[in-house]
């Protein structure tokens, strides 16, 4: 399936926030990319442009294409609760993002590759679909093969300084984790105003 594979620093500079993790490019060049980026600055935008920018930031942050993102929104609108919060929960509970939160990848892209290459099991069954929707009670573990175990251990070692959120538990010895519950909005801490995304699709 198609996915965004462009330069991450350029995308982060376009929106002015580190969408793919800490970026020194934003510190060195805190202006939009392109030959007119230095002089243009941050021009005044219309309400529609601001809402569209928020939606694009959320898409890029989770590595979701437009058609897929629209399906997430329609599913969030169908469920009970605040649509913006439900949308964030659906995105957070993607398997690639759960693996990223557990520490199986420095970035969501790395976690997506870890899942896509078949190194992950959900409740004892191998799952190689990054968009797989996890549920409370699901056990996420590394496949028993030597290659998977070594790679999983190396990834966990490289991310051990990053705290695991309260809606997840991780067992580093067993290379596994459990989705305890659905995340709260405060725990997700998105880089966007999700209410503007809801207003954009409700026009």
N, C-alpha and C. Protein backbone atom coordinates (compact mmCIF):
# COMPACT_ATOMS: atom_id res chain seq x y z
N UNK A 1 0.84 -1.19 0.00
CA UNK A 1 0.00 0.00 0.00
C UNK A 1 0.88 1.24 0.00
N UNK A 2 0.41 2.29 -0.66
CA UNK A 2 1.19 3.53 -0.76
C UNK A 2 1.32 4.17 0.61
N UNK A 3 2.40 4.89 0.81
CA UNK A 3 2.60 5.63 2.05
C UNK A 3 3.52 6.80 1.78
N UNK A 4 3.59 7.73 2.74
CA UNK A 4 4.41 8.92 2.59
C UNK A 4 5.87 8.55 2.83
N UNK A 5 6.72 8.80 1.84
CA UNK A 5 8.14 8.46 1.97
C UNK A 5 9.04 9.67 1.70
N UNK A 6 8.46 10.87 1.72
CA UNK A 6 9.24 12.07 1.42
C UNK A 6 10.16 12.47 2.56
N UNK A 7 10.91 13.55 2.37
CA UNK A 7 11.85 14.02 3.39
C UNK A 7 11.11 14.56 4.61
N UNK A 8 11.40 14.00 5.77
CA UNK A 8 10.66 14.37 6.98
C UNK A 8 10.99 15.78 7.47
N UNK A 9 12.26 16.19 7.36
CA UNK A 9 12.63 17.52 7.84
C UNK A 9 11.93 18.61 7.05
N UNK A 10 11.78 18.41 5.77
CA UNK A 10 11.11 19.42 4.94
C UNK A 10 9.64 19.55 5.33
N UNK A 11 9.00 18.42 5.63
CA UNK A 11 7.60 18.46 6.04
C UNK A 11 7.47 19.15 7.39
N UNK A 12 8.37 18.83 8.32
CA UNK A 12 8.32 19.47 9.64
C UNK A 12 8.54 20.97 9.53
N UNK A 13 9.45 21.39 8.67
CA UNK A 13 9.70 22.83 8.49
C UNK A 13 8.50 23.52 7.85
N UNK A 14 7.79 22.81 6.99
CA UNK A 14 6.62 23.41 6.35
C UNK A 14 5.56 23.80 7.38
N UNK A 15 5.38 22.93 8.39
CA UNK A 15 4.36 23.18 9.40
C UNK A 15 4.91 23.82 10.66
N UNK A 16 6.23 23.86 10.81
CA UNK A 16 6.83 24.54 11.96
C UNK A 16 6.81 23.75 13.25
N UNK A 17 6.54 22.42 13.17
CA UNK A 17 6.53 21.57 14.36
C UNK A 17 7.24 20.26 14.04
N UNK A 18 7.89 19.62 15.03
CA UNK A 18 8.59 18.36 14.78
C UNK A 18 7.62 17.18 14.71
N UNK A 19 7.05 16.92 13.55
CA UNK A 19 6.04 15.88 13.38
C UNK A 19 6.61 14.47 13.51
N UNK A 20 7.89 14.30 13.23
CA UNK A 20 8.50 12.97 13.19
C UNK A 20 9.52 12.77 14.31
N UNK A 21 9.39 13.53 15.39
CA UNK A 21 10.35 13.44 16.47
C UNK A 21 11.28 14.65 16.47
N UNK A 22 12.16 14.76 17.46
CA UNK A 22 13.08 15.90 17.54
C UNK A 22 13.87 16.08 16.24
N UNK A 23 13.96 17.33 15.81
CA UNK A 23 14.64 17.62 14.55
C UNK A 23 15.53 18.85 14.70
N UNK A 24 16.81 18.69 14.40
CA UNK A 24 17.72 19.83 14.46
C UNK A 24 17.50 20.78 13.28
N UNK A 25 16.85 20.28 12.23
CA UNK A 25 16.59 21.14 11.07
C UNK A 25 15.71 22.32 11.46
N UNK A 26 14.77 22.10 12.38
CA UNK A 26 13.89 23.19 12.82
C UNK A 26 14.67 24.23 13.63
N UNK A 27 15.70 23.78 14.31
CA UNK A 27 16.51 24.72 15.08
C UNK A 27 17.43 25.53 14.17
N UNK A 28 18.00 24.85 13.18
CA UNK A 28 18.93 25.53 12.28
C UNK A 28 18.21 26.45 11.30
N UNK A 29 17.06 25.98 10.80
CA UNK A 29 16.32 26.75 9.79
C UNK A 29 14.85 26.82 10.18
N UNK A 30 14.53 27.76 11.03
CA UNK A 30 13.17 27.89 11.55
C UNK A 30 12.30 28.70 10.60
N UNK A 31 12.25 28.29 9.34
CA UNK A 31 11.42 28.95 8.34
C UNK A 31 11.01 27.89 7.32
N UNK A 32 9.96 28.14 6.53
CA UNK A 32 9.48 27.14 5.57
C UNK A 32 10.53 26.80 4.54
N UNK A 33 10.47 25.60 3.94
CA UNK A 33 11.44 25.22 2.90
C UNK A 33 11.16 25.96 1.60
N UNK A 34 12.11 25.90 0.69
CA UNK A 34 11.94 26.55 -0.61
C UNK A 34 12.78 27.81 -0.71
N UNK A 35 12.94 28.29 -1.95
CA UNK A 35 13.82 29.44 -2.17
C UNK A 35 13.26 30.74 -1.59
N UNK A 36 11.94 30.79 -1.35
CA UNK A 36 11.34 31.99 -0.78
C UNK A 36 11.02 31.83 0.70
N UNK A 37 11.45 30.72 1.28
CA UNK A 37 11.08 30.42 2.66
C UNK A 37 11.59 31.43 3.65
N UNK A 38 12.82 31.92 3.47
CA UNK A 38 13.41 32.85 4.43
C UNK A 38 12.65 34.17 4.44
N UNK A 39 12.28 34.64 3.25
CA UNK A 39 11.64 35.96 3.15
C UNK A 39 10.15 35.91 3.42
N UNK A 40 9.53 34.75 3.13
CA UNK A 40 8.07 34.69 3.23
C UNK A 40 7.58 34.73 4.67
N UNK A 41 8.33 34.05 5.59
CA UNK A 41 7.89 33.97 6.97
C UNK A 41 6.59 33.20 7.07
N UNK A 42 5.87 33.42 8.14
CA UNK A 42 4.58 32.77 8.34
C UNK A 42 3.47 33.76 8.01
N UNK A 43 2.94 33.66 6.79
CA UNK A 43 1.92 34.60 6.35
C UNK A 43 0.59 34.32 7.02
N UNK A 44 -0.27 35.32 7.08
CA UNK A 44 -1.59 35.18 7.68
C UNK A 44 -2.40 34.22 6.81
N UNK A 45 -3.04 33.25 7.47
CA UNK A 45 -3.80 32.24 6.77
C UNK A 45 -5.28 32.36 7.06
N UNK A 46 -6.09 31.87 6.13
CA UNK A 46 -7.53 31.85 6.33
C UNK A 46 -7.89 30.73 7.32
N UNK A 47 -9.12 30.75 7.81
CA UNK A 47 -9.57 29.71 8.74
C UNK A 47 -9.52 28.33 8.08
N UNK A 48 -9.89 28.28 6.81
CA UNK A 48 -9.86 27.00 6.09
C UNK A 48 -8.42 26.49 5.97
N UNK A 49 -7.48 27.39 5.66
CA UNK A 49 -6.08 26.98 5.51
C UNK A 49 -5.52 26.47 6.84
N UNK A 50 -5.91 27.08 7.95
CA UNK A 50 -5.43 26.64 9.27
C UNK A 50 -5.98 25.26 9.58
N UNK A 51 -7.28 25.05 9.32
CA UNK A 51 -7.89 23.74 9.59
C UNK A 51 -7.27 22.66 8.70
N UNK A 52 -7.04 23.00 7.43
CA UNK A 52 -6.42 22.04 6.52
C UNK A 52 -5.01 21.69 6.97
N UNK A 53 -4.28 22.69 7.46
CA UNK A 53 -2.93 22.46 7.96
C UNK A 53 -2.94 21.52 9.17
N UNK A 54 -3.93 21.69 10.05
CA UNK A 54 -4.03 20.81 11.22
C UNK A 54 -4.30 19.37 10.79
N UNK A 55 -5.16 19.21 9.80
CA UNK A 55 -5.46 17.86 9.31
C UNK A 55 -4.24 17.22 8.68
N UNK A 56 -3.50 17.99 7.90
CA UNK A 56 -2.30 17.47 7.25
C UNK A 56 -1.23 17.09 8.28
N UNK A 57 -1.10 17.89 9.32
CA UNK A 57 -0.13 17.57 10.37
C UNK A 57 -0.47 16.25 11.04
N UNK A 58 -1.76 16.04 11.32
CA UNK A 58 -2.18 14.80 11.96
C UNK A 58 -1.95 13.61 11.04
N UNK A 59 -2.20 13.78 9.76
CA UNK A 59 -1.97 12.72 8.77
C UNK A 59 -0.50 12.34 8.72
N UNK A 60 0.36 13.33 8.60
CA UNK A 60 1.79 13.06 8.49
C UNK A 60 2.35 12.47 9.78
N UNK A 61 1.83 12.94 10.91
CA UNK A 61 2.33 12.46 12.20
C UNK A 61 2.14 10.95 12.34
N UNK A 62 1.00 10.45 11.88
CA UNK A 62 0.71 9.01 12.00
C UNK A 62 0.96 8.24 10.71
N UNK A 63 1.41 8.90 9.65
CA UNK A 63 1.72 8.22 8.41
C UNK A 63 0.51 7.63 7.72
N UNK A 64 -0.57 8.39 7.67
CA UNK A 64 -1.83 7.91 7.10
C UNK A 64 -2.14 8.71 5.83
N UNK A 65 -2.60 8.02 4.78
CA UNK A 65 -2.99 8.70 3.56
C UNK A 65 -4.39 9.28 3.68
N UNK A 66 -4.75 10.14 2.73
CA UNK A 66 -6.00 10.89 2.82
C UNK A 66 -7.24 9.99 2.88
N UNK A 67 -7.33 9.01 2.00
CA UNK A 67 -8.50 8.15 1.96
C UNK A 67 -8.64 7.36 3.26
N UNK A 68 -7.52 6.88 3.77
CA UNK A 68 -7.52 6.13 5.01
C UNK A 68 -7.89 7.03 6.19
N UNK A 69 -7.37 8.26 6.18
CA UNK A 69 -7.68 9.20 7.24
C UNK A 69 -9.17 9.54 7.26
N UNK A 70 -9.76 9.67 6.08
CA UNK A 70 -11.19 9.98 6.00
C UNK A 70 -12.02 8.84 6.60
N UNK A 71 -11.58 7.60 6.39
CA UNK A 71 -12.28 6.46 6.98
C UNK A 71 -12.19 6.50 8.50
N UNK A 72 -11.03 6.88 9.01
CA UNK A 72 -10.89 7.02 10.46
C UNK A 72 -11.86 8.06 10.99
N UNK A 73 -11.99 9.17 10.27
CA UNK A 73 -12.89 10.23 10.73
C UNK A 73 -14.34 9.75 10.73
N UNK A 74 -14.76 9.09 9.66
CA UNK A 74 -16.15 8.61 9.60
C UNK A 74 -16.42 7.59 10.71
N UNK A 75 -15.44 6.74 11.03
CA UNK A 75 -15.60 5.79 12.12
C UNK A 75 -15.69 6.51 13.46
N UNK A 76 -14.88 7.57 13.64
CA UNK A 76 -14.92 8.35 14.88
C UNK A 76 -16.25 9.07 15.03
N UNK A 77 -16.79 9.59 13.91
CA UNK A 77 -18.08 10.29 13.95
C UNK A 77 -19.22 9.32 14.27
N UNK A 78 -19.07 8.06 13.87
CA UNK A 78 -20.11 7.07 14.10
C UNK A 78 -20.16 6.62 15.56
N UNK A 79 -19.02 6.64 16.23
CA UNK A 79 -18.96 6.15 17.61
C UNK A 79 -19.44 7.22 18.60
N UNK A 80 -19.81 6.75 19.79
CA UNK A 80 -20.22 7.67 20.84
C UNK A 80 -19.01 8.38 21.43
N UNK A 81 -19.22 9.63 21.85
CA UNK A 81 -18.13 10.39 22.44
C UNK A 81 -17.78 11.61 21.60
N UNK A 82 -16.78 12.33 22.05
CA UNK A 82 -16.31 13.51 21.32
C UNK A 82 -15.53 13.06 20.10
N UNK A 83 -15.98 13.47 18.92
CA UNK A 83 -15.41 12.96 17.68
C UNK A 83 -13.90 13.16 17.58
N UNK A 84 -13.43 14.33 17.98
CA UNK A 84 -11.99 14.60 17.90
C UNK A 84 -11.17 13.68 18.79
N UNK A 85 -11.67 13.43 20.00
CA UNK A 85 -10.94 12.54 20.92
C UNK A 85 -10.97 11.10 20.43
N UNK A 86 -12.12 10.67 19.91
CA UNK A 86 -12.23 9.30 19.39
C UNK A 86 -11.30 9.12 18.19
N UNK A 87 -11.20 10.15 17.35
CA UNK A 87 -10.30 10.09 16.20
C UNK A 87 -8.86 9.90 16.65
N UNK A 88 -8.44 10.64 17.66
CA UNK A 88 -7.08 10.50 18.19
C UNK A 88 -6.86 9.11 18.78
N UNK A 89 -7.87 8.57 19.45
CA UNK A 89 -7.75 7.23 20.03
C UNK A 89 -7.59 6.17 18.94
N UNK A 90 -8.37 6.30 17.86
CA UNK A 90 -8.26 5.34 16.75
C UNK A 90 -6.86 5.36 16.15
N UNK A 91 -6.30 6.56 16.00
CA UNK A 91 -4.96 6.67 15.43
C UNK A 91 -3.91 6.13 16.41
N UNK A 92 -4.09 6.40 17.70
CA UNK A 92 -3.13 5.93 18.70
C UNK A 92 -3.13 4.41 18.81
N UNK A 93 -4.27 3.78 18.57
CA UNK A 93 -4.39 2.33 18.73
C UNK A 93 -4.01 1.55 17.48
N UNK A 94 -3.49 2.22 16.47
CA UNK A 94 -2.91 1.51 15.34
C UNK A 94 -1.71 0.68 15.84
N UNK A 95 -1.52 -0.49 15.26
CA UNK A 95 -0.47 -1.38 15.75
C UNK A 95 0.91 -0.74 15.64
N UNK A 96 1.19 -0.04 14.54
CA UNK A 96 2.51 0.57 14.40
C UNK A 96 2.74 1.64 15.46
N UNK A 97 1.69 2.39 15.81
CA UNK A 97 1.85 3.41 16.84
C UNK A 97 2.00 2.79 18.23
N UNK A 98 1.26 1.71 18.50
CA UNK A 98 1.39 1.03 19.78
C UNK A 98 2.81 0.49 19.95
N UNK A 99 3.36 -0.09 18.88
CA UNK A 99 4.75 -0.57 18.93
C UNK A 99 5.72 0.58 19.18
N UNK A 100 5.46 1.72 18.55
CA UNK A 100 6.29 2.90 18.77
C UNK A 100 6.22 3.35 20.24
N UNK A 101 5.01 3.37 20.80
CA UNK A 101 4.84 3.77 22.19
C UNK A 101 5.48 2.77 23.15
N UNK A 102 5.50 1.50 22.77
CA UNK A 102 6.13 0.48 23.62
C UNK A 102 7.65 0.54 23.56
N UNK A 103 8.20 1.16 22.51
CA UNK A 103 9.64 1.28 22.38
C UNK A 103 10.24 0.45 21.27
N UNK A 104 9.41 -0.18 20.44
CA UNK A 104 9.92 -0.97 19.32
C UNK A 104 10.13 -0.08 18.09
N UNK A 105 10.89 0.98 18.28
CA UNK A 105 11.19 1.90 17.19
C UNK A 105 11.41 3.30 17.72
N UNK A 106 12.43 3.98 17.19
CA UNK A 106 12.69 5.37 17.58
C UNK A 106 11.66 6.32 17.00
N UNK A 107 11.08 5.95 15.89
CA UNK A 107 10.06 6.75 15.22
C UNK A 107 8.90 5.86 14.83
N UNK A 108 7.79 6.48 14.43
CA UNK A 108 6.65 5.69 13.96
C UNK A 108 6.99 4.98 12.66
N UNK A 109 7.82 5.58 11.85
CA UNK A 109 8.22 4.93 10.59
C UNK A 109 9.01 3.66 10.87
N UNK A 110 9.90 3.73 11.85
CA UNK A 110 10.69 2.54 12.20
C UNK A 110 9.79 1.45 12.77
N UNK A 111 8.82 1.86 13.60
CA UNK A 111 7.89 0.88 14.17
C UNK A 111 7.02 0.27 13.07
N UNK A 112 6.64 1.08 12.10
CA UNK A 112 5.84 0.57 10.98
C UNK A 112 6.63 -0.48 10.20
N UNK A 113 7.90 -0.22 9.97
CA UNK A 113 8.73 -1.19 9.26
C UNK A 113 8.90 -2.46 10.08
N UNK A 114 9.05 -2.32 11.39
CA UNK A 114 9.19 -3.48 12.29
C UNK A 114 7.95 -4.37 12.19
N UNK A 115 6.77 -3.75 12.14
CA UNK A 115 5.53 -4.51 12.00
C UNK A 115 5.41 -5.10 10.61
N UNK A 116 5.67 -4.29 9.60
CA UNK A 116 5.51 -4.74 8.22
C UNK A 116 6.41 -5.89 7.83
N UNK A 117 7.54 -6.02 8.49
CA UNK A 117 8.46 -7.11 8.19
C UNK A 117 8.14 -8.40 8.96
N UNK A 118 7.01 -8.37 9.67
CA UNK A 118 6.54 -9.60 10.30
C UNK A 118 7.22 -9.97 11.60
N UNK A 119 7.67 -8.98 12.37
CA UNK A 119 8.36 -9.27 13.63
C UNK A 119 7.43 -9.21 14.85
N UNK A 120 6.14 -8.94 14.64
CA UNK A 120 5.24 -8.66 15.76
C UNK A 120 4.09 -9.66 15.81
N UNK A 121 3.73 -10.05 17.02
CA UNK A 121 2.57 -10.89 17.25
C UNK A 121 1.55 -10.13 18.10
N UNK A 122 0.27 -10.37 17.83
CA UNK A 122 -0.82 -9.83 18.65
C UNK A 122 -1.60 -11.02 19.19
N UNK A 123 -1.60 -11.18 20.49
CA UNK A 123 -2.28 -12.31 21.14
C UNK A 123 -1.80 -13.65 20.60
N UNK A 124 -0.48 -13.73 20.32
CA UNK A 124 0.11 -14.98 19.87
C UNK A 124 0.04 -15.25 18.39
N UNK A 125 -0.57 -14.36 17.61
CA UNK A 125 -0.68 -14.54 16.17
C UNK A 125 0.10 -13.43 15.46
N UNK A 126 0.90 -13.80 14.48
CA UNK A 126 1.71 -12.80 13.78
C UNK A 126 0.83 -11.88 12.97
N UNK A 127 1.07 -10.59 13.09
CA UNK A 127 0.32 -9.57 12.36
C UNK A 127 1.33 -8.64 11.69
N UNK A 128 1.23 -8.50 10.38
CA UNK A 128 2.16 -7.62 9.65
C UNK A 128 1.42 -6.45 8.99
N UNK A 129 0.29 -6.06 9.56
CA UNK A 129 -0.50 -4.95 9.04
C UNK A 129 -0.36 -3.77 9.99
N UNK A 130 0.37 -2.72 9.62
CA UNK A 130 0.61 -1.59 10.54
C UNK A 130 -0.68 -0.91 11.01
N UNK A 131 -1.73 -0.94 10.19
CA UNK A 131 -2.97 -0.26 10.56
C UNK A 131 -3.89 -1.12 11.42
N UNK A 132 -3.46 -2.33 11.79
CA UNK A 132 -4.27 -3.20 12.63
C UNK A 132 -4.72 -2.45 13.88
N UNK A 133 -6.02 -2.51 14.19
CA UNK A 133 -6.57 -1.75 15.31
C UNK A 133 -6.48 -2.57 16.59
N UNK A 134 -5.66 -2.12 17.52
CA UNK A 134 -5.51 -2.81 18.80
C UNK A 134 -6.67 -2.47 19.72
N UNK A 135 -6.92 -3.34 20.68
CA UNK A 135 -7.99 -3.16 21.65
C UNK A 135 -7.44 -3.37 23.06
N UNK A 136 -8.12 -2.80 24.07
CA UNK A 136 -7.68 -3.05 25.45
C UNK A 136 -7.64 -4.55 25.74
N UNK A 137 -6.54 -4.98 26.34
CA UNK A 137 -6.34 -6.39 26.63
C UNK A 137 -5.44 -7.11 25.65
N UNK A 138 -5.18 -6.49 24.49
CA UNK A 138 -4.31 -7.12 23.49
C UNK A 138 -2.87 -7.20 24.01
N UNK A 139 -2.24 -8.33 23.75
CA UNK A 139 -0.83 -8.53 24.12
C UNK A 139 0.02 -8.41 22.87
N UNK A 140 0.91 -7.45 22.84
CA UNK A 140 1.81 -7.21 21.71
C UNK A 140 3.17 -7.78 22.07
N UNK A 141 3.68 -8.69 21.25
CA UNK A 141 4.96 -9.32 21.56
C UNK A 141 5.79 -9.48 20.30
N UNK A 142 7.08 -9.71 20.49
CA UNK A 142 7.99 -9.94 19.38
C UNK A 142 7.96 -11.42 19.02
N UNK A 143 7.99 -11.73 17.73
CA UNK A 143 7.96 -13.12 17.28
C UNK A 143 9.14 -13.89 17.88
N UNK A 144 8.98 -15.20 18.08
CA UNK A 144 10.03 -15.99 18.75
C UNK A 144 11.30 -16.23 17.94
N UNK A 145 11.34 -15.94 16.66
CA UNK A 145 12.55 -16.17 15.87
C UNK A 145 13.74 -15.37 16.37
N UNK A 146 14.95 -15.89 16.14
CA UNK A 146 16.17 -15.23 16.61
C UNK A 146 16.33 -13.83 16.05
N UNK A 147 16.09 -13.68 14.75
CA UNK A 147 16.25 -12.36 14.13
C UNK A 147 15.29 -11.35 14.75
N UNK A 148 14.05 -11.76 14.94
CA UNK A 148 13.06 -10.86 15.52
C UNK A 148 13.42 -10.51 16.95
N UNK A 149 13.84 -11.50 17.72
CA UNK A 149 14.20 -11.27 19.12
C UNK A 149 15.38 -10.32 19.26
N UNK A 150 16.41 -10.53 18.43
CA UNK A 150 17.58 -9.67 18.50
C UNK A 150 17.25 -8.24 18.10
N UNK A 151 16.44 -8.10 17.05
CA UNK A 151 16.06 -6.77 16.60
C UNK A 151 15.18 -6.08 17.64
N UNK A 152 14.23 -6.81 18.21
CA UNK A 152 13.37 -6.23 19.23
C UNK A 152 14.15 -5.78 20.45
N UNK A 153 15.13 -6.59 20.87
CA UNK A 153 15.96 -6.24 22.03
C UNK A 153 16.79 -5.00 21.74
N UNK A 154 17.32 -4.92 20.52
CA UNK A 154 18.12 -3.76 20.15
C UNK A 154 17.27 -2.48 20.13
N UNK A 155 16.05 -2.58 19.62
CA UNK A 155 15.16 -1.42 19.57
C UNK A 155 14.76 -0.97 20.97
N UNK A 156 14.45 -1.93 21.85
CA UNK A 156 14.08 -1.56 23.22
C UNK A 156 15.24 -0.91 23.96
N UNK A 157 16.46 -1.39 23.72
CA UNK A 157 17.64 -0.80 24.36
C UNK A 157 17.84 0.64 23.91
N UNK A 158 17.56 0.90 22.63
CA UNK A 158 17.78 2.26 22.10
C UNK A 158 16.70 3.25 22.55
N UNK A 159 15.57 2.74 23.05
CA UNK A 159 14.47 3.63 23.46
C UNK A 159 14.16 3.52 24.95
N UNK A 160 15.05 2.92 25.72
CA UNK A 160 14.75 2.70 27.14
C UNK A 160 14.64 3.99 27.94
N UNK A 161 15.23 5.07 27.44
CA UNK A 161 15.13 6.35 28.15
C UNK A 161 13.76 7.00 27.95
N UNK A 162 13.00 6.53 26.98
CA UNK A 162 11.68 7.11 26.71
C UNK A 162 10.64 6.44 27.60
N UNK A 163 9.89 7.20 28.39
CA UNK A 163 8.91 6.58 29.31
C UNK A 163 7.75 5.96 28.56
N UNK A 164 7.22 4.87 29.11
CA UNK A 164 6.04 4.21 28.54
C UNK A 164 4.79 4.83 29.15
N UNK A 165 3.82 5.16 28.33
CA UNK A 165 2.61 5.82 28.81
C UNK A 165 1.78 4.89 29.68
N UNK A 166 0.91 5.48 30.50
CA UNK A 166 0.18 4.71 31.50
C UNK A 166 -0.86 3.77 30.91
N UNK A 167 -1.30 4.00 29.69
CA UNK A 167 -2.31 3.12 29.10
C UNK A 167 -1.67 1.85 28.50
N UNK A 168 -0.35 1.74 28.65
CA UNK A 168 0.38 0.57 28.19
C UNK A 168 1.26 0.03 29.31
N UNK A 169 1.53 -1.26 29.28
CA UNK A 169 2.55 -1.84 30.16
C UNK A 169 3.52 -2.62 29.28
N UNK A 170 4.79 -2.62 29.65
CA UNK A 170 5.79 -3.30 28.85
C UNK A 170 6.64 -4.21 29.74
N UNK A 171 6.95 -5.39 29.24
CA UNK A 171 7.84 -6.34 29.91
C UNK A 171 9.08 -6.48 29.03
N UNK A 172 10.15 -5.80 29.41
CA UNK A 172 11.35 -5.77 28.56
C UNK A 172 12.02 -7.14 28.50
N UNK A 173 11.89 -7.93 29.54
CA UNK A 173 12.51 -9.26 29.54
C UNK A 173 11.82 -10.19 28.53
N UNK A 174 10.50 -10.09 28.44
CA UNK A 174 9.74 -10.94 27.53
C UNK A 174 9.52 -10.29 26.16
N UNK A 175 10.01 -9.05 26.01
CA UNK A 175 9.82 -8.29 24.76
C UNK A 175 8.34 -8.25 24.37
N UNK A 176 7.53 -7.83 25.32
CA UNK A 176 6.10 -7.77 25.07
C UNK A 176 5.48 -6.61 25.82
N UNK A 177 4.25 -6.29 25.46
CA UNK A 177 3.52 -5.23 26.13
C UNK A 177 2.04 -5.51 26.04
N UNK A 178 1.27 -4.81 26.87
CA UNK A 178 -0.18 -5.01 26.92
C UNK A 178 -0.87 -3.65 26.79
N UNK A 179 -1.93 -3.61 25.99
CA UNK A 179 -2.78 -2.42 25.91
C UNK A 179 -3.76 -2.50 27.07
N UNK A 180 -3.53 -1.71 28.11
CA UNK A 180 -4.34 -1.78 29.33
C UNK A 180 -5.72 -1.17 29.11
N UNK A 181 -5.75 -0.03 28.43
CA UNK A 181 -7.02 0.68 28.19
C UNK A 181 -6.83 1.63 27.04
N UNK A 182 -7.91 2.30 26.65
CA UNK A 182 -7.80 3.31 25.60
C UNK A 182 -7.13 4.56 26.18
N UNK A 183 -6.31 5.23 25.39
CA UNK A 183 -5.59 6.41 25.91
C UNK A 183 -6.51 7.61 26.09
N UNK A 184 -6.21 8.43 27.08
CA UNK A 184 -6.92 9.70 27.27
C UNK A 184 -6.28 10.76 26.39
N UNK A 185 -7.00 11.83 26.19
CA UNK A 185 -6.52 12.91 25.33
C UNK A 185 -5.22 13.51 25.87
N UNK A 186 -5.14 13.66 27.20
CA UNK A 186 -3.94 14.24 27.82
C UNK A 186 -2.72 13.36 27.62
N UNK A 187 -2.92 12.05 27.53
CA UNK A 187 -1.81 11.12 27.36
C UNK A 187 -1.31 11.10 25.92
N UNK A 188 -2.21 11.41 24.99
CA UNK A 188 -1.81 11.41 23.58
C UNK A 188 -0.97 12.64 23.28
N UNK A 189 -1.38 13.79 23.84
CA UNK A 189 -0.64 15.05 23.66
C UNK A 189 -0.32 15.31 22.18
N UNK A 190 -1.35 15.47 21.34
CA UNK A 190 -1.11 15.67 19.91
C UNK A 190 -0.51 17.04 19.61
N UNK A 191 0.08 17.16 18.44
CA UNK A 191 0.67 18.43 18.01
C UNK A 191 -0.33 19.28 17.25
N UNK A 192 -1.61 18.90 17.30
CA UNK A 192 -2.63 19.58 16.51
C UNK A 192 -3.83 19.90 17.39
N UNK A 193 -4.69 20.77 16.85
CA UNK A 193 -6.00 21.03 17.45
C UNK A 193 -7.01 20.17 16.71
N UNK A 194 -7.36 19.04 17.28
CA UNK A 194 -8.22 18.07 16.57
C UNK A 194 -9.62 18.61 16.31
N UNK A 195 -10.05 19.63 17.09
CA UNK A 195 -11.38 20.19 16.86
C UNK A 195 -11.46 20.88 15.50
N UNK A 196 -10.36 21.48 15.07
CA UNK A 196 -10.33 22.11 13.75
C UNK A 196 -10.45 21.07 12.64
N UNK A 197 -9.90 19.88 12.88
CA UNK A 197 -10.02 18.79 11.90
C UNK A 197 -11.47 18.36 11.79
N UNK A 198 -12.16 18.27 12.92
CA UNK A 198 -13.57 17.89 12.91
C UNK A 198 -14.39 18.95 12.16
N UNK A 199 -14.10 20.22 12.41
CA UNK A 199 -14.82 21.30 11.73
C UNK A 199 -14.56 21.28 10.23
N UNK A 200 -13.34 20.91 9.84
CA UNK A 200 -12.99 20.86 8.42
C UNK A 200 -13.84 19.81 7.71
N UNK A 201 -13.97 18.62 8.29
CA UNK A 201 -14.74 17.55 7.64
C UNK A 201 -16.24 17.75 7.81
N UNK A 202 -16.65 18.64 8.70
CA UNK A 202 -18.09 18.86 8.92
C UNK A 202 -18.63 19.99 8.07
N UNK A 203 -17.79 20.60 7.25
CA UNK A 203 -18.24 21.71 6.41
C UNK A 203 -19.25 21.23 5.38
